[in-house]
Each structure stands twice: as structure tokens, then as C-alpha cells.
């Protein structure tokens, strides 16, 4: 004999919970909050000159490149001075 499924009748509280997800007006409010957060973050992470984290990192990178070039020039001068003072050994 086939059995019949019993229909479950939700309580008023359960119905409110189920129907609360159908409201689309809350999504627009959530989008507005997200946009406000983005504007807030950009204003906090940007200086008055328009510099932000990316431009600060780029400036640091350029400064480090110049420092490394200068350091390499100094090391080459030291090496050439040391080579001049140390007599070269002859291999026989």
C-alpha cells in the first residue's frame, strides 16, 4: 500500500523566517554600506597629495634601486683597490 507524505505546516515564527529572505529592499541598503566603506578606506589610505600605498611602494623601490647602484659602485672601487695591493700569484 502506498504511503502518503504528511504535509508540515510551519508555525508563524518559521513563516516569518522563511519570508524574510524574500525582501530585496535590504540588498540595496547593503550595497550602499559597502560603497560607503570603500569611500572611507580610500580617504583614509590616500594622502592629500594623492599618494597611496601603491605609490609609496613604488617610490621605495626606486630609492632602493638607486642605493643598490651606489653600493655596487663603492664595492667595485674597493675590489679594484684590493686587487692592486695584492700581488697576483703566478701559476706554474
PDB file of N, CA and C in Angstrom:
ATOM      1  N   UNK A   1       0.817  -1.173   0.000  1.00  0.00           N
ATOM      2  CA  UNK A   1       0.000   0.000   0.000  1.00  0.00           C
ATOM      3  C   UNK A   1       0.874   1.255   0.000  1.00  0.00           C
ATOM      4  N   UNK A   2       0.672   2.195  -0.912  1.00  0.00           N
ATOM      5  CA  UNK A   2       1.482   3.408  -0.943  1.00  0.00           C
ATOM      6  C   UNK A   2       1.161   4.301   0.264  1.00  0.00           C
ATOM      7  N   UNK A   3       2.231   4.899   0.807  1.00  0.00           N
ATOM      8  CA  UNK A   3       2.039   5.795   1.945  1.00  0.00           C
ATOM      9  C   UNK A   3       1.963   7.235   1.462  1.00  0.00           C
ATOM     10  N   UNK A   4       1.227   8.037   2.159  1.00  0.00           N
ATOM     11  CA  UNK A   4       1.103   9.442   1.797  1.00  0.00           C
ATOM     12  C   UNK A   4       2.022  10.261   2.698  1.00  0.00           C
ATOM     13  N   UNK A   5       2.668  11.254   2.089  1.00  0.00           N
ATOM     14  CA  UNK A   5       3.523  12.141   2.865  1.00  0.00           C
ATOM     15  C   UNK A   5       2.652  13.121   3.630  1.00  0.00           C
ATOM     16  N   UNK A   6       3.024  13.342   4.859  1.00  0.00           N
ATOM     17  CA  UNK A   6       2.280  14.296   5.652  1.00  0.00           C
ATOM     18  C   UNK A   6       2.792  15.699   5.356  1.00  0.00           C
ATOM     19  N   UNK A   7       1.881  16.609   5.241  1.00  0.00           N
ATOM     20  CA  UNK A   7       2.242  17.987   4.978  1.00  0.00           C
ATOM     21  C   UNK A   7       2.553  18.680   6.306  1.00  0.00           C
ATOM     22  N   UNK A   8       3.753  19.319   6.352  1.00  0.00           N
ATOM     23  CA  UNK A   8       4.159  20.005   7.567  1.00  0.00           C
ATOM     24  C   UNK A   8       3.701  21.452   7.471  1.00  0.00           C
ATOM     25  N   UNK A   9       3.008  21.904   8.466  1.00  0.00           N
ATOM     26  CA  UNK A   9       2.513  23.277   8.493  1.00  0.00           C
ATOM     27  C   UNK A   9       3.453  24.081   9.384  1.00  0.00           C
ATOM     28  N   UNK A  10       4.132  25.082   8.789  1.00  0.00           N
ATOM     29  CA  UNK A  10       5.081  25.858   9.591  1.00  0.00           C
ATOM     30  C   UNK A  10       4.356  26.773  10.575  1.00  0.00           C
ATOM     31  N   UNK A  11       5.024  27.039  11.672  1.00  0.00           N
ATOM     32  CA  UNK A  11       4.460  27.956  12.665  1.00  0.00           C
ATOM     33  C   UNK A  11       4.630  29.388  12.152  1.00  0.00           C
ATOM     34  N   UNK A  12       4.029  30.329  12.833  1.00  0.00           N
ATOM     35  CA  UNK A  12       4.119  31.730  12.411  1.00  0.00           C
ATOM     36  C   UNK A  12       5.562  32.219  12.469  1.00  0.00           C
ATOM     37  N   UNK A  13       6.286  31.790  13.463  1.00  0.00           N
ATOM     38  CA  UNK A  13       7.678  32.197  13.615  1.00  0.00           C
ATOM     39  C   UNK A  13       8.531  31.658  12.458  1.00  0.00           C
ATOM     40  N   UNK A  14       8.316  30.409  12.102  1.00  0.00           N
ATOM     41  CA  UNK A  14       9.049  29.806  10.991  1.00  0.00           C
ATOM     42  C   UNK A  14       8.689  30.479   9.674  1.00  0.00           C
ATOM     43  N   UNK A  15       7.440  30.864   9.515  1.00  0.00           N
ATOM     44  CA  UNK A  15       6.997  31.535   8.299  1.00  0.00           C
ATOM     45  C   UNK A  15       7.678  32.898   8.156  1.00  0.00           C
ATOM     46  N   UNK A  16       7.815  33.611   9.261  1.00  0.00           N
ATOM     47  CA  UNK A  16       8.492  34.910   9.225  1.00  0.00           C
ATOM     48  C   UNK A  16       9.946  34.749   8.799  1.00  0.00           C
ATOM     49  N   UNK A  17      10.597  33.729   9.319  1.00  0.00           N
ATOM     50  CA  UNK A  17      11.994  33.484   8.964  1.00  0.00           C
ATOM     51  C   UNK A  17      12.114  33.131   7.487  1.00  0.00           C
ATOM     52  N   UNK A  18      11.221  32.300   7.001  1.00  0.00           N
ATOM     53  CA  UNK A  18      11.247  31.902   5.592  1.00  0.00           C
ATOM     54  C   UNK A  18      10.951  33.080   4.671  1.00  0.00           C
ATOM     55  N   UNK A  19      10.037  33.934   5.048  1.00  0.00           N
ATOM     56  CA  UNK A  19       9.646  35.060   4.202  1.00  0.00           C
ATOM     57  C   UNK A  19      10.596  36.238   4.312  1.00  0.00           C
ATOM     58  N   UNK A  20      11.420  36.276   5.344  1.00  0.00           N
ATOM     59  CA  UNK A  20      12.328  37.411   5.495  1.00  0.00           C
ATOM     60  C   UNK A  20      13.384  37.432   4.396  1.00  0.00           C
ATOM     61  N   UNK A  21      13.728  36.310   3.799  1.00  0.00           N
ATOM     62  CA  UNK A  21      14.719  36.254   2.724  1.00  0.00           C
ATOM     63  C   UNK A  21      14.175  36.745   1.404  1.00  0.00           C
ATOM     64  N   UNK A  22      12.874  36.901   1.273  1.00  0.00           N
ATOM     65  CA  UNK A  22      12.276  37.312   0.009  1.00  0.00           C
ATOM     66  C   UNK A  22      12.333  38.819  -0.193  1.00  0.00           C
ATOM     67  N   UNK A  23      12.666  39.561   0.812  1.00  0.00           N
ATOM     68  CA  UNK A  23      12.680  41.016   0.748  1.00  0.00           C
ATOM     69  C   UNK A  23      13.954  41.496   0.065  1.00  0.00           C
ATOM     70  N   UNK A  24      13.847  42.153  -1.091  1.00  0.00           N
ATOM     71  CA  UNK A  24      15.011  42.625  -1.844  1.00  0.00           C
ATOM     72  C   UNK A  24      15.433  44.035  -1.453  1.00  0.00           C
ATOM     73  N   UNK A  25      14.647  44.734  -0.672  1.00  0.00           N
ATOM     74  CA  UNK A  25      14.993  46.109  -0.331  1.00  0.00           C
ATOM     75  C   UNK A  25      16.240  46.169   0.550  1.00  0.00           C
ATOM     76  N   UNK A  26      16.511  45.144   1.314  1.00  0.00           N
ATOM     77  CA  UNK A  26      17.694  45.107   2.164  1.00  0.00           C
ATOM     78  C   UNK A  26      18.980  45.008   1.375  1.00  0.00           C
ATOM     79  N   UNK A  27      18.927  44.400   0.186  1.00  0.00           N
ATOM     80  CA  UNK A  27      20.128  44.251  -0.637  1.00  0.00           C
ATOM     81  C   UNK A  27      20.671  45.603  -1.072  1.00  0.00           C
ATOM     82  N   UNK A  28      19.784  46.517  -1.417  1.00  0.00           N
ATOM     83  CA  UNK A  28      20.223  47.840  -1.844  1.00  0.00           C
ATOM     84  C   UNK A  28      20.890  48.578  -0.696  1.00  0.00           C
ATOM     85  N   UNK A  29      20.361  48.419   0.498  1.00  0.00           N
ATOM     86  CA  UNK A  29      20.959  49.067   1.660  1.00  0.00           C
ATOM     87  C   UNK A  29      22.341  48.479   1.929  1.00  0.00           C
ATOM     88  N   UNK A  30      22.484  47.165   1.766  1.00  0.00           N
ATOM     89  CA  UNK A  30      23.788  46.529   1.962  1.00  0.00           C
ATOM     90  C   UNK A  30      24.789  47.042   0.946  1.00  0.00           C
ATOM     91  N   UNK A  31      24.360  47.238  -0.298  1.00  0.00           N
ATOM     92  CA  UNK A  31      25.251  47.766  -1.332  1.00  0.00           C
ATOM     93  C   UNK A  31      25.704  49.180  -0.983  1.00  0.00           C
ATOM     94  N   UNK A  32      24.821  49.971  -0.442  1.00  0.00           N
ATOM     95  CA  UNK A  32      25.177  51.337  -0.080  1.00  0.00           C
ATOM     96  C   UNK A  32      26.204  51.344   1.055  1.00  0.00           C
ATOM     97  N   UNK A  33      26.048  50.437   2.012  1.00  0.00           N
ATOM     98  CA  UNK A  33      27.013  50.347   3.109  1.00  0.00           C
ATOM     99  C   UNK A  33      28.383  49.975   2.580  1.00  0.00           C
ATOM    100  N   UNK A  34      28.432  49.063   1.625  1.00  0.00           N
ATOM    101  CA  UNK A  34      29.700  48.634   1.052  1.00  0.00           C
ATOM    102  C   UNK A  34      30.371  49.783   0.307  1.00  0.00           C
ATOM    103  N   UNK A  35      29.603  50.564  -0.424  1.00  0.00           N
ATOM    104  CA  UNK A  35      30.155  51.697  -1.153  1.00  0.00           C
ATOM    105  C   UNK A  35      30.703  52.734  -0.182  1.00  0.00           C
ATOM    106  N   UNK A  36      30.013  52.956   0.919  1.00  0.00           N
ATOM    107  CA  UNK A  36      30.488  53.908   1.916  1.00  0.00           C
ATOM    108  C   UNK A  36      31.802  53.428   2.526  1.00  0.00           C
ATOM    109  N   UNK A  37      31.933  52.131   2.745  1.00  0.00           N
ATOM    110  CA  UNK A  37      33.156  51.576   3.318  1.00  0.00           C
ATOM    111  C   UNK A  37      34.320  51.773   2.347  1.00  0.00           C
ATOM    112  N   UNK A  38      34.079  51.589   1.055  1.00  0.00           N
ATOM    113  CA  UNK A  38      35.131  51.800   0.062  1.00  0.00           C
ATOM    114  C   UNK A  38      35.581  53.241   0.016  1.00  0.00           C
ATOM    115  N   UNK A  39      34.642  54.153   0.082  1.00  0.00           N
ATOM    116  CA  UNK A  39      34.992  55.571   0.092  1.00  0.00           C
ATOM    117  C   UNK A  39      35.765  55.945   1.345  1.00  0.00           C
ATOM    118  N   UNK A  40      35.363  55.379   2.448  1.00  0.00           N
ATOM    119  CA  UNK A  40      36.045  55.644   3.708  1.00  0.00           C
ATOM    120  C   UNK A  40      37.483  55.134   3.660  1.00  0.00           C
ATOM    121  N   UNK A  41      37.655  53.908   3.167  1.00  0.00           N
ATOM    122  CA  UNK A  41      39.002  53.337   3.087  1.00  0.00           C
ATOM    123  C   UNK A  41      39.894  54.132   2.148  1.00  0.00           C
ATOM    124  N   UNK A  42      39.359  54.531   1.002  1.00  0.00           N
ATOM    125  CA  UNK A  42      40.188  55.291   0.063  1.00  0.00           C
ATOM    126  C   UNK A  42      40.579  56.646   0.638  1.00  0.00           C
ATOM    127  N   UNK A  43      39.694  57.261   1.398  1.00  0.00           N
ATOM    128  CA  UNK A  43      40.051  58.545   2.005  1.00  0.00           C
ATOM    129  C   UNK A  43      41.067  58.364   3.126  1.00  0.00           C
ATOM    130  N   UNK A  44      41.009  57.250   3.825  1.00  0.00           N
ATOM    131  CA  UNK A  44      41.962  57.005   4.910  1.00  0.00           C
ATOM    132  C   UNK A  44      43.331  56.590   4.394  1.00  0.00           C
ATOM    133  N   UNK A  45      43.384  55.894   3.267  1.00  0.00           N
ATOM    134  CA  UNK A  45      44.638  55.363   2.755  1.00  0.00           C
ATOM    135  C   UNK A  45      45.269  56.226   1.676  1.00  0.00           C
ATOM    136  N   UNK A  46      44.752  57.421   1.461  1.00  0.00           N
ATOM    137  CA  UNK A  46      45.289  58.333   0.461  1.00  0.00           C
ATOM    138  C   UNK A  46      45.664  59.645   1.133  1.00  0.00           C
ATOM    139  N   UNK A  47      46.852  60.159   0.794  1.00  0.00           N
ATOM    140  CA  UNK A  47      47.277  61.436   1.377  1.00  0.00           C
ATOM    141  C   UNK A  47      46.649  62.592   0.609  1.00  0.00           C
ATOM    142  N   UNK A  48      46.884  63.798   1.098  1.00  0.00           N
ATOM    143  CA  UNK A  48      46.352  64.984   0.432  1.00  0.00           C
ATOM    144  C   UNK A  48      46.991  65.185  -0.934  1.00  0.00           C
ATOM    145  N   UNK A  49      48.221  64.673  -1.104  1.00  0.00           N
ATOM    146  CA  UNK A  49      48.918  64.796  -2.387  1.00  0.00           C
ATOM    147  C   UNK A  49      48.456  63.762  -3.405  1.00  0.00           C
ATOM    148  N   UNK A  50      47.615  62.829  -2.978  1.00  0.00           N
ATOM    149  CA  UNK A  50      47.139  61.788  -3.875  1.00  0.00           C
ATOM    150  C   UNK A  50      47.963  60.513  -3.806  1.00  0.00           C
ATOM    151  N   UNK A  51      48.937  60.475  -2.897  1.00  0.00           N
ATOM    152  CA  UNK A  51      49.737  59.265  -2.735  1.00  0.00           C
ATOM    153  C   UNK A  51      48.934  58.219  -1.975  1.00  0.00           C
ATOM    154  N   UNK A  52      49.131  56.974  -2.369  1.00  0.00           N
ATOM    155  CA  UNK A  52      48.502  55.879  -1.641  1.00  0.00           C
ATOM    156  C   UNK A  52      49.554  54.796  -1.401  1.00  0.00           C
ATOM    157  N   UNK A  53      49.160  53.644  -0.968  1.00  0.00           N
ATOM    158  CA  UNK A  53      50.100  52.578  -0.636  1.00  0.00           C
ATOM    159  C   UNK A  53      50.926  52.188  -1.862  1.00  0.00           C
ATOM    160  N   UNK A  54      50.291  52.112  -3.002  1.00  0.00           N
ATOM    161  CA  UNK A  54      50.993  51.700  -4.220  1.00  0.00           C
ATOM    162  C   UNK A  54      52.076  52.697  -4.602  1.00  0.00           C
ATOM    163  N   UNK A  55      51.764  53.970  -4.582  1.00  0.00           N
ATOM    164  CA  UNK A  55      52.770  54.961  -4.959  1.00  0.00           C
ATOM    165  C   UNK A  55      53.897  55.012  -3.932  1.00  0.00           C
ATOM    166  N   UNK A  56      53.581  54.793  -2.663  1.00  0.00           N
ATOM    167  CA  UNK A  56      54.626  54.763  -1.639  1.00  0.00           C
ATOM    168  C   UNK A  56      55.577  53.594  -1.880  1.00  0.00           C
ATOM    169  N   UNK A  57      55.038  52.440  -2.228  1.00  0.00           N
ATOM    170  CA  UNK A  57      55.886  51.276  -2.519  1.00  0.00           C
ATOM    171  C   UNK A  57      56.735  51.504  -3.764  1.00  0.00           C
ATOM    172  N   UNK A  58      56.170  52.154  -4.757  1.00  0.00           N
ATOM    173  CA  UNK A  58      56.940  52.434  -5.974  1.00  0.00           C
ATOM    174  C   UNK A  58      58.096  53.377  -5.670  1.00  0.00           C
ATOM    175  N   UNK A  59      57.848  54.405  -4.866  1.00  0.00           N
ATOM    176  CA  UNK A  59      58.909  55.336  -4.500  1.00  0.00           C
ATOM    177  C   UNK A  59      60.008  54.630  -3.715  1.00  0.00           C
ATOM    178  N   UNK A  60      59.619  53.751  -2.804  1.00  0.00           N
ATOM    179  CA  UNK A  60      60.607  52.992  -2.037  1.00  0.00           C
ATOM    180  C   UNK A  60      61.437  52.108  -2.950  1.00  0.00           C
ATOM    181  N   UNK A  61      60.800  51.500  -3.927  1.00  0.00           N
ATOM    182  CA  UNK A  61      61.516  50.634  -4.864  1.00  0.00           C
ATOM    183  C   UNK A  61      62.553  51.422  -5.655  1.00  0.00           C
ATOM    184  N   UNK A  62      62.172  52.602  -6.126  1.00  0.00           N
ATOM    185  CA  UNK A  62      63.108  53.430  -6.881  1.00  0.00           C
ATOM    186  C   UNK A  62      64.271  53.892  -6.012  1.00  0.00           C
ATOM    187  N   UNK A  63      63.985  54.232  -4.757  1.00  0.00           N
ATOM    188  CA  UNK A  63      65.056  54.650  -3.852  1.00  0.00           C
ATOM    189  C   UNK A  63      66.013  53.495  -3.583  1.00  0.00           C
ATOM    190  N   UNK A  64      65.472  52.295  -3.388  1.00  0.00           N
ATOM    191  CA  UNK A  64      66.328  51.139  -3.143  1.00  0.00           C
ATOM    192  C   UNK A  64      67.202  50.812  -4.356  1.00  0.00           C
ATOM    193  N   UNK A  65      66.647  50.969  -5.553  1.00  0.00           N
ATOM    194  CA  UNK A  65      67.436  50.723  -6.765  1.00  0.00           C
ATOM    195  C   UNK A  65      68.624  51.668  -6.833  1.00  0.00           C
ATOM    196  N   UNK A  66      68.399  52.944  -6.513  1.00  0.00           N
ATOM    197  CA  UNK A  66      69.490  53.920  -6.529  1.00  0.00           C
ATOM    198  C   UNK A  66      70.534  53.585  -5.465  1.00  0.00           C
ATOM    199  N   UNK A  67      70.085  53.182  -4.297  1.00  0.00           N
ATOM    200  CA  UNK A  67      71.023  52.829  -3.236  1.00  0.00           C
ATOM    201  C   UNK A  67      71.864  51.611  -3.621  1.00  0.00           C
ATOM    202  N   UNK A  68      71.250  50.631  -4.263  1.00  0.00           N
ATOM    203  CA  UNK A  68      71.985  49.435  -4.675  1.00  0.00           C
ATOM    204  C   UNK A  68      73.015  49.786  -5.748  1.00  0.00           C
ATOM    205  N   UNK A  69      72.649  50.676  -6.669  1.00  0.00           N
ATOM    206  CA  UNK A  69      73.611  51.105  -7.696  1.00  0.00           C
ATOM    207  C   UNK A  69      74.820  51.781  -7.060  1.00  0.00           C
ATOM    208  N   UNK A  70      74.561  52.663  -6.106  1.00  0.00           N
ATOM    209  CA  UNK A  70      75.649  53.358  -5.416  1.00  0.00           C
ATOM    210  C   UNK A  70      76.510  52.367  -4.639  1.00  0.00           C
ATOM    211  N   UNK A  71      75.868  51.428  -3.962  1.00  0.00           N
ATOM    212  CA  UNK A  71      76.599  50.424  -3.197  1.00  0.00           C
ATOM    213  C   UNK A  71      77.474  49.570  -4.115  1.00  0.00           C
ATOM    214  N   UNK A  72      76.960  49.198  -5.258  1.00  0.00           N
ATOM    215  CA  UNK A  72      77.742  48.396  -6.206  1.00  0.00           C
ATOM    216  C   UNK A  72      78.965  49.176  -6.707  1.00  0.00           C
ATOM    217  N   UNK A  73      78.795  50.468  -6.970  1.00  0.00           N
ATOM    218  CA  UNK A  73      79.934  51.282  -7.416  1.00  0.00           C
ATOM    219  C   UNK A  73      81.023  51.318  -6.347  1.00  0.00           C
ATOM    220  N   UNK A  74      80.599  51.470  -5.091  1.00  0.00           N
ATOM    221  CA  UNK A  74      81.568  51.500  -3.988  1.00  0.00           C
ATOM    222  C   UNK A  74      82.281  50.159  -3.864  1.00  0.00           C
ATOM    223  N   UNK A  75      81.538  49.074  -3.966  1.00  0.00           N
ATOM    224  CA  UNK A  75      82.147  47.743  -3.868  1.00  0.00           C
ATOM    225  C   UNK A  75      83.130  47.478  -5.005  1.00  0.00           C
ATOM    226  N   UNK A  76      82.826  47.960  -6.197  1.00  0.00           N
ATOM    227  CA  UNK A  76      83.744  47.795  -7.329  1.00  0.00           C
ATOM    228  C   UNK A  76      85.036  48.560  -7.061  1.00  0.00           C
ATOM    229  N   UNK A  77      84.935  49.778  -6.528  1.00  0.00           N
ATOM    230  CA  UNK A  77      86.129  50.570  -6.204  1.00  0.00           C
ATOM    231  C   UNK A  77      86.965  49.875  -5.134  1.00  0.00           C
ATOM    232  N   UNK A  78      86.313  49.327  -4.113  1.00  0.00           N
ATOM    233  CA  UNK A  78      87.039  48.618  -3.054  1.00  0.00           C
ATOM    234  C   UNK A  78      87.744  47.390  -3.623  1.00  0.00           C
ATOM    235  N   UNK A  79      87.047  46.649  -4.460  1.00  0.00           N
ATOM    236  CA  UNK A  79      87.628  45.452  -5.061  1.00  0.00           C
ATOM    237  C   UNK A  79      88.819  45.801  -5.945  1.00  0.00           C
ATOM    238  N   UNK A  80      88.691  46.848  -6.741  1.00  0.00           N
ATOM    239  CA  UNK A  80      89.806  47.214  -7.614  1.00  0.00           C
ATOM    240  C   UNK A  80      90.996  47.713  -6.794  1.00  0.00           C
ATOM    241  N   UNK A  81      90.756  48.387  -5.673  1.00  0.00           N
ATOM    242  CA  UNK A  81      91.840  48.845  -4.802  1.00  0.00           C
ATOM    243  C   UNK A  81      92.528  47.659  -4.138  1.00  0.00           C
ATOM    244  N   UNK A  82      91.736  46.673  -3.726  1.00  0.00           N
ATOM    245  CA  UNK A  82      92.327  45.485  -3.104  1.00  0.00           C
ATOM    246  C   UNK A  82      93.126  44.658  -4.098  1.00  0.00           C
ATOM    247  N   UNK A  83      92.655  44.561  -5.320  1.00  0.00           N
ATOM    248  CA  UNK A  83      93.378  43.790  -6.341  1.00  0.00           C
ATOM    249  C   UNK A  83      94.715  44.441  -6.667  1.00  0.00           C
ATOM    250  N   UNK A  84      94.763  45.749  -6.583  1.00  0.00           N
ATOM    251  CA  UNK A  84      96.026  46.463  -6.870  1.00  0.00           C
ATOM    252  C   UNK A  84      97.051  46.248  -5.778  1.00  0.00           C
ATOM    253  N   UNK A  85      96.630  46.042  -4.536  1.00  0.00           N
ATOM    254  CA  UNK A  85      97.536  45.881  -3.413  1.00  0.00           C
ATOM    255  C   UNK A  85      98.006  44.442  -3.230  1.00  0.00           C
ATOM    256  N   UNK A  86      97.202  43.479  -3.659  1.00  0.00           N
ATOM    257  CA  UNK A  86      97.547  42.075  -3.514  1.00  0.00           C
ATOM    258  C   UNK A  86      98.293  41.630  -4.768  1.00  0.00           C
ATOM    259  N   UNK A  87      99.531  41.161  -4.607  1.00  0.00           N
ATOM    260  CA  UNK A  87     100.259  40.715  -5.801  1.00  0.00           C
ATOM    261  C   UNK A  87      99.617  39.451  -6.360  1.00  0.00           C
ATOM    262  N   UNK A  88      99.491  39.424  -7.659  1.00  0.00           N
ATOM    263  CA  UNK A  88      98.887  38.251  -8.296  1.00  0.00           C
ATOM    264  C   UNK A  88      99.879  37.092  -8.248  1.00  0.00           C
ATOM    265  N   UNK A  89      99.368  35.921  -7.950  1.00  0.00           N
ATOM    266  CA  UNK A  89     100.215  34.738  -7.876  1.00  0.00           C
ATOM    267  C   UNK A  89     100.335  34.119  -9.253  1.00  0.00           C
ATOM    268  N   UNK A  90     101.526  33.681  -9.572  1.00  0.00           N
ATOM    269  CA  UNK A  90     101.735  33.020 -10.860  1.00  0.00           C
ATOM    270  C   UNK A  90     101.537  31.535 -10.683  1.00  0.00           C
ATOM    271  N   UNK A  91     100.806  30.947 -11.593  1.00  0.00           N
ATOM    272  CA  UNK A  91     100.564  29.507 -11.539  1.00  0.00           C
ATOM    273  C   UNK A  91     101.609  28.834 -12.421  1.00  0.00           C
ATOM    274  N   UNK A  92     102.377  27.897 -11.837  1.00  0.00           N
ATOM    275  CA  UNK A  92     103.412  27.211 -12.626  1.00  0.00           C
ATOM    276  C   UNK A  92     103.125  25.759 -12.793  1.00  0.00           C
TER     277      UNK A  92
END
